[in-house]
Amino acid sequence: MLQAHAQMGEPQYLWRFDHPNRADIPPDSDPVTNYHNTRRGSVVLMAEEGMVVHGLVGYFESVLYGDVTMSISPCSRTPGMFSWFPISFPLRHPVIVPAARTSR
């Protein structure tokens, strides 16, 4: 459902969430802080052409049970899936991205 956008490249995996994830809960943690659900990650994005980036898009893939999955990623989209949409993360200040350099 994204419109008026340019895709920089293929979606990249950032992090995984398992539920329940009891292994990540420190024994002395406060469940109200939701500490065990904190996630951080980074990826390197390369643009074939120079562009101005105004935001990023987030997709998800979910393994519900065994081989039963649900995905909104363009690489593995579940057919007929129209009740979930990508999340847009707008940037406060657009970023000018130069074209990736290639050696020949």
N, C-alpha and C. Protein backbone atom coordinates (compact mmCIF):
# COMPACT_ATOMS: atom_id res chain seq x y z
N MET A 1 0.81 -1.20 0.00
CA MET A 1 0.00 0.00 0.00
C MET A 1 0.86 1.27 0.00
N LEU A 2 2.15 1.12 -0.22
CA LEU A 2 3.01 2.31 -0.29
C LEU A 2 2.83 2.97 -1.64
N GLN A 3 2.77 4.28 -1.63
CA GLN A 3 2.60 5.04 -2.87
C GLN A 3 3.65 6.14 -2.92
N ALA A 4 3.98 6.58 -4.11
CA ALA A 4 4.94 7.68 -4.30
C ALA A 4 6.21 7.44 -3.50
N HIS A 5 6.85 6.31 -3.74
CA HIS A 5 8.08 6.01 -3.03
C HIS A 5 9.10 5.39 -3.99
N ALA A 6 10.35 5.43 -3.59
CA ALA A 6 11.42 4.76 -4.32
C ALA A 6 12.07 3.79 -3.35
N GLN A 7 12.22 2.57 -3.78
CA GLN A 7 12.81 1.56 -2.90
C GLN A 7 14.32 1.57 -3.10
N MET A 8 15.04 1.72 -2.02
CA MET A 8 16.49 1.81 -2.06
C MET A 8 17.12 0.45 -2.37
N GLY A 9 16.50 -0.60 -1.90
CA GLY A 9 17.02 -1.96 -2.09
C GLY A 9 16.04 -2.95 -1.50
N GLU A 10 16.46 -4.20 -1.43
CA GLU A 10 15.61 -5.23 -0.84
C GLU A 10 15.53 -5.03 0.68
N PRO A 11 14.40 -5.40 1.30
CA PRO A 11 14.30 -5.31 2.76
C PRO A 11 15.40 -6.14 3.42
N GLN A 12 15.90 -5.65 4.54
CA GLN A 12 16.94 -6.35 5.28
C GLN A 12 16.42 -6.73 6.66
N TYR A 13 16.84 -7.90 7.11
CA TYR A 13 16.47 -8.40 8.43
C TYR A 13 17.13 -7.54 9.49
N LEU A 14 16.38 -7.13 10.51
CA LEU A 14 16.95 -6.30 11.56
C LEU A 14 16.98 -7.00 12.90
N TRP A 15 15.84 -7.53 13.37
CA TRP A 15 15.85 -8.25 14.63
C TRP A 15 14.69 -9.21 14.70
N ARG A 16 14.77 -10.08 15.70
CA ARG A 16 13.78 -11.13 15.88
C ARG A 16 13.18 -11.00 17.27
N PHE A 17 11.92 -11.34 17.36
CA PHE A 17 11.22 -11.34 18.64
C PHE A 17 10.57 -12.70 18.81
N ASP A 18 10.81 -13.36 19.93
CA ASP A 18 10.19 -14.65 20.23
C ASP A 18 9.26 -14.48 21.41
N HIS A 19 8.09 -15.09 21.32
CA HIS A 19 7.12 -14.99 22.41
C HIS A 19 6.61 -16.38 22.77
N PRO A 20 6.59 -16.77 24.01
CA PRO A 20 7.19 -16.02 25.12
C PRO A 20 8.71 -16.13 25.07
N ASN A 21 9.36 -15.17 25.62
CA ASN A 21 10.82 -15.11 25.59
C ASN A 21 11.36 -15.05 27.01
N ARG A 22 11.08 -16.04 27.75
CA ARG A 22 11.45 -16.07 29.17
C ARG A 22 12.96 -16.06 29.39
N ALA A 23 13.74 -16.48 28.39
CA ALA A 23 15.19 -16.51 28.55
C ALA A 23 15.78 -15.10 28.66
N ASP A 24 15.11 -14.09 28.11
CA ASP A 24 15.62 -12.72 28.14
C ASP A 24 15.23 -11.95 29.40
N ILE A 25 14.37 -12.52 30.23
CA ILE A 25 13.89 -11.79 31.40
C ILE A 25 14.87 -11.99 32.55
N PRO A 26 15.60 -10.94 32.94
CA PRO A 26 16.49 -11.08 34.09
C PRO A 26 15.67 -11.38 35.34
N PRO A 27 16.19 -12.23 36.23
CA PRO A 27 15.41 -12.64 37.41
C PRO A 27 14.98 -11.48 38.30
N ASP A 28 15.76 -10.38 38.32
CA ASP A 28 15.41 -9.26 39.20
C ASP A 28 14.73 -8.12 38.44
N SER A 29 14.23 -8.37 37.20
CA SER A 29 13.62 -7.28 36.42
C SER A 29 12.19 -7.03 36.85
N ASP A 30 11.78 -5.82 36.57
CA ASP A 30 10.40 -5.41 36.83
C ASP A 30 9.61 -5.62 35.55
N PRO A 31 8.59 -6.51 35.53
CA PRO A 31 7.85 -6.77 34.30
C PRO A 31 7.17 -5.53 33.72
N VAL A 32 6.93 -4.53 34.55
CA VAL A 32 6.27 -3.31 34.06
C VAL A 32 7.19 -2.54 33.11
N THR A 33 8.52 -2.64 33.29
CA THR A 33 9.46 -1.91 32.44
C THR A 33 9.56 -2.49 31.04
N ASN A 34 9.10 -3.74 30.86
CA ASN A 34 9.13 -4.39 29.55
C ASN A 34 10.56 -4.50 29.03
N TYR A 35 11.53 -4.59 29.93
CA TYR A 35 12.94 -4.63 29.59
C TYR A 35 13.25 -5.72 28.56
N HIS A 36 12.64 -6.86 28.69
CA HIS A 36 12.97 -7.99 27.83
C HIS A 36 12.50 -7.81 26.38
N ASN A 37 11.73 -6.78 26.08
CA ASN A 37 11.29 -6.54 24.72
C ASN A 37 12.07 -5.43 24.02
N THR A 38 13.10 -4.91 24.66
CA THR A 38 13.92 -3.86 24.07
C THR A 38 14.73 -4.46 22.93
N ARG A 39 14.71 -3.81 21.77
CA ARG A 39 15.46 -4.29 20.62
C ARG A 39 16.23 -3.14 19.99
N ARG A 40 17.44 -3.44 19.52
CA ARG A 40 18.25 -2.48 18.79
C ARG A 40 18.93 -3.23 17.66
N GLY A 41 19.26 -2.52 16.62
CA GLY A 41 19.96 -3.15 15.52
C GLY A 41 20.37 -2.11 14.50
N SER A 42 21.18 -2.53 13.57
CA SER A 42 21.58 -1.63 12.50
C SER A 42 21.82 -2.44 11.23
N VAL A 43 21.65 -1.79 10.11
CA VAL A 43 21.92 -2.37 8.80
C VAL A 43 22.61 -1.30 7.96
N VAL A 44 23.31 -1.72 6.93
CA VAL A 44 23.95 -0.80 6.00
C VAL A 44 23.09 -0.77 4.75
N LEU A 45 22.66 0.42 4.35
CA LEU A 45 21.85 0.58 3.16
C LEU A 45 22.69 1.25 2.08
N MET A 46 22.65 0.70 0.88
CA MET A 46 23.39 1.25 -0.24
C MET A 46 22.40 1.60 -1.35
N ALA A 47 22.52 2.79 -1.91
CA ALA A 47 21.64 3.24 -2.98
C ALA A 47 22.39 3.16 -4.31
N GLU A 48 21.77 2.53 -5.31
CA GLU A 48 22.38 2.46 -6.63
C GLU A 48 22.40 3.84 -7.28
N GLU A 49 21.38 4.62 -6.99
CA GLU A 49 21.28 5.99 -7.50
C GLU A 49 21.21 6.94 -6.32
N GLY A 50 21.71 8.17 -6.51
CA GLY A 50 21.61 9.16 -5.45
C GLY A 50 20.15 9.51 -5.20
N MET A 51 19.82 9.82 -3.96
CA MET A 51 18.43 10.15 -3.62
C MET A 51 18.37 10.90 -2.30
N VAL A 52 17.21 11.44 -2.02
CA VAL A 52 16.93 12.06 -0.73
C VAL A 52 15.99 11.13 0.00
N VAL A 53 16.37 10.71 1.20
CA VAL A 53 15.56 9.77 1.99
C VAL A 53 14.75 10.56 3.01
N HIS A 54 13.44 10.40 2.95
CA HIS A 54 12.53 11.09 3.86
C HIS A 54 12.02 10.17 4.96
N GLY A 55 12.30 8.87 4.85
CA GLY A 55 11.84 7.94 5.87
C GLY A 55 12.20 6.51 5.52
N LEU A 56 11.92 5.62 6.45
CA LEU A 56 12.16 4.19 6.27
C LEU A 56 10.84 3.45 6.44
N VAL A 57 10.80 2.23 5.95
CA VAL A 57 9.59 1.41 6.05
C VAL A 57 9.92 0.13 6.79
N GLY A 58 9.01 -0.30 7.66
CA GLY A 58 9.20 -1.53 8.40
C GLY A 58 8.16 -2.57 8.01
N TYR A 59 8.61 -3.82 7.82
CA TYR A 59 7.75 -4.95 7.50
C TYR A 59 7.89 -5.99 8.60
N PHE A 60 7.00 -6.96 8.62
CA PHE A 60 7.17 -8.07 9.55
C PHE A 60 6.81 -9.38 8.90
N GLU A 61 7.42 -10.42 9.40
CA GLU A 61 7.08 -11.80 9.06
C GLU A 61 6.85 -12.51 10.38
N SER A 62 5.86 -13.35 10.43
CA SER A 62 5.53 -14.02 11.68
C SER A 62 5.34 -15.52 11.46
N VAL A 63 5.97 -16.32 12.31
CA VAL A 63 5.72 -17.75 12.33
C VAL A 63 4.71 -17.97 13.45
N LEU A 64 3.49 -18.32 13.07
CA LEU A 64 2.43 -18.48 14.06
C LEU A 64 2.54 -19.81 14.79
N TYR A 65 2.78 -20.87 14.02
CA TYR A 65 2.95 -22.20 14.61
C TYR A 65 3.46 -23.14 13.53
N GLY A 66 4.55 -23.83 13.79
CA GLY A 66 5.08 -24.76 12.80
C GLY A 66 5.39 -24.06 11.50
N ASP A 67 4.74 -24.49 10.41
CA ASP A 67 4.97 -23.87 9.10
C ASP A 67 3.87 -22.88 8.72
N VAL A 68 3.05 -22.48 9.68
CA VAL A 68 2.00 -21.49 9.44
C VAL A 68 2.61 -20.10 9.64
N THR A 69 2.67 -19.33 8.56
CA THR A 69 3.30 -18.01 8.62
C THR A 69 2.37 -16.92 8.12
N MET A 70 2.75 -15.69 8.43
CA MET A 70 2.03 -14.51 7.99
C MET A 70 3.10 -13.44 7.72
N SER A 71 3.03 -12.78 6.56
CA SER A 71 4.07 -11.83 6.21
C SER A 71 3.51 -10.67 5.40
N ILE A 72 4.06 -9.48 5.66
CA ILE A 72 3.74 -8.32 4.83
C ILE A 72 4.99 -7.84 4.10
N SER A 73 6.07 -8.60 4.19
CA SER A 73 7.30 -8.26 3.47
C SER A 73 7.11 -8.50 1.99
N PRO A 74 7.60 -7.60 1.12
CA PRO A 74 7.46 -7.81 -0.32
C PRO A 74 8.11 -9.11 -0.78
N CYS A 75 9.13 -9.59 -0.05
CA CYS A 75 9.85 -10.81 -0.44
C CYS A 75 9.05 -12.08 -0.15
N SER A 76 8.16 -12.03 0.80
CA SER A 76 7.44 -13.24 1.22
C SER A 76 5.99 -12.96 1.59
N ARG A 77 5.40 -11.99 0.96
CA ARG A 77 4.04 -11.53 1.30
C ARG A 77 3.03 -12.66 1.25
N THR A 78 2.19 -12.75 2.28
CA THR A 78 1.11 -13.71 2.33
C THR A 78 0.03 -13.30 1.33
N PRO A 79 -0.33 -14.19 0.40
CA PRO A 79 -1.36 -13.84 -0.59
C PRO A 79 -2.67 -13.44 0.10
N GLY A 80 -3.29 -12.40 -0.40
CA GLY A 80 -4.57 -11.95 0.14
C GLY A 80 -4.46 -11.17 1.44
N MET A 81 -3.26 -10.94 1.93
CA MET A 81 -3.05 -10.21 3.19
C MET A 81 -3.27 -8.73 2.95
N PHE A 82 -4.34 -8.19 3.47
CA PHE A 82 -4.59 -6.76 3.30
C PHE A 82 -5.05 -6.10 4.60
N SER A 83 -4.94 -6.80 5.71
CA SER A 83 -5.36 -6.21 6.98
C SER A 83 -4.17 -5.65 7.77
N TRP A 84 -2.95 -5.92 7.34
CA TRP A 84 -1.75 -5.39 7.98
C TRP A 84 -0.96 -4.64 6.93
N PHE A 85 -0.35 -3.54 7.31
CA PHE A 85 0.38 -2.71 6.37
C PHE A 85 1.77 -2.39 6.92
N PRO A 86 2.71 -2.04 6.04
CA PRO A 86 4.04 -1.63 6.51
C PRO A 86 3.92 -0.38 7.38
N ILE A 87 4.88 -0.23 8.28
CA ILE A 87 4.91 0.97 9.11
C ILE A 87 5.93 1.94 8.50
N SER A 88 5.57 3.19 8.46
CA SER A 88 6.44 4.22 7.92
C SER A 88 7.10 4.96 9.08
N PHE A 89 8.42 5.10 9.00
CA PHE A 89 9.18 5.84 10.00
C PHE A 89 9.72 7.10 9.32
N PRO A 90 8.99 8.22 9.41
CA PRO A 90 9.47 9.44 8.75
C PRO A 90 10.70 10.00 9.48
N LEU A 91 11.58 10.61 8.72
CA LEU A 91 12.76 11.27 9.31
C LEU A 91 12.45 12.74 9.50
N ARG A 92 12.82 13.27 10.64
CA ARG A 92 12.59 14.69 10.92
C ARG A 92 13.34 15.57 9.91
N HIS A 93 14.56 15.13 9.58
CA HIS A 93 15.38 15.86 8.61
C HIS A 93 15.77 14.88 7.50
N PRO A 94 15.33 15.13 6.26
CA PRO A 94 15.69 14.24 5.15
C PRO A 94 17.21 14.08 5.03
N VAL A 95 17.64 12.93 4.53
CA VAL A 95 19.05 12.61 4.39
C VAL A 95 19.39 12.48 2.91
N ILE A 96 20.42 13.18 2.47
CA ILE A 96 20.88 13.06 1.09
C ILE A 96 21.81 11.86 1.03
N VAL A 97 21.48 10.90 0.17
CA VAL A 97 22.26 9.66 0.04
C VAL A 97 22.91 9.65 -1.34
N PRO A 98 24.24 9.61 -1.38
CA PRO A 98 24.90 9.54 -2.69
C PRO A 98 24.79 8.13 -3.27
N ALA A 99 24.97 8.02 -4.58
CA ALA A 99 24.95 6.71 -5.23
C ALA A 99 26.12 5.88 -4.73
N ALA A 100 25.90 4.56 -4.60
CA ALA A 100 26.98 3.66 -4.17
C ALA A 100 28.08 3.64 -5.23
N ARG A 101 29.30 3.60 -4.78
CA ARG A 101 30.42 3.54 -5.70
C ARG A 101 30.70 2.09 -6.07
N THR A 102 30.97 1.85 -7.31
CA THR A 102 31.32 0.50 -7.75
C THR A 102 32.69 0.55 -8.40
N SER A 103 33.50 -0.46 -8.13
CA SER A 103 34.82 -0.52 -8.73
C SER A 103 34.76 -1.44 -9.95
N ARG A 104 35.42 -1.05 -11.01
CA ARG A 104 35.40 -1.84 -12.25
C ARG A 104 36.78 -2.26 -12.63
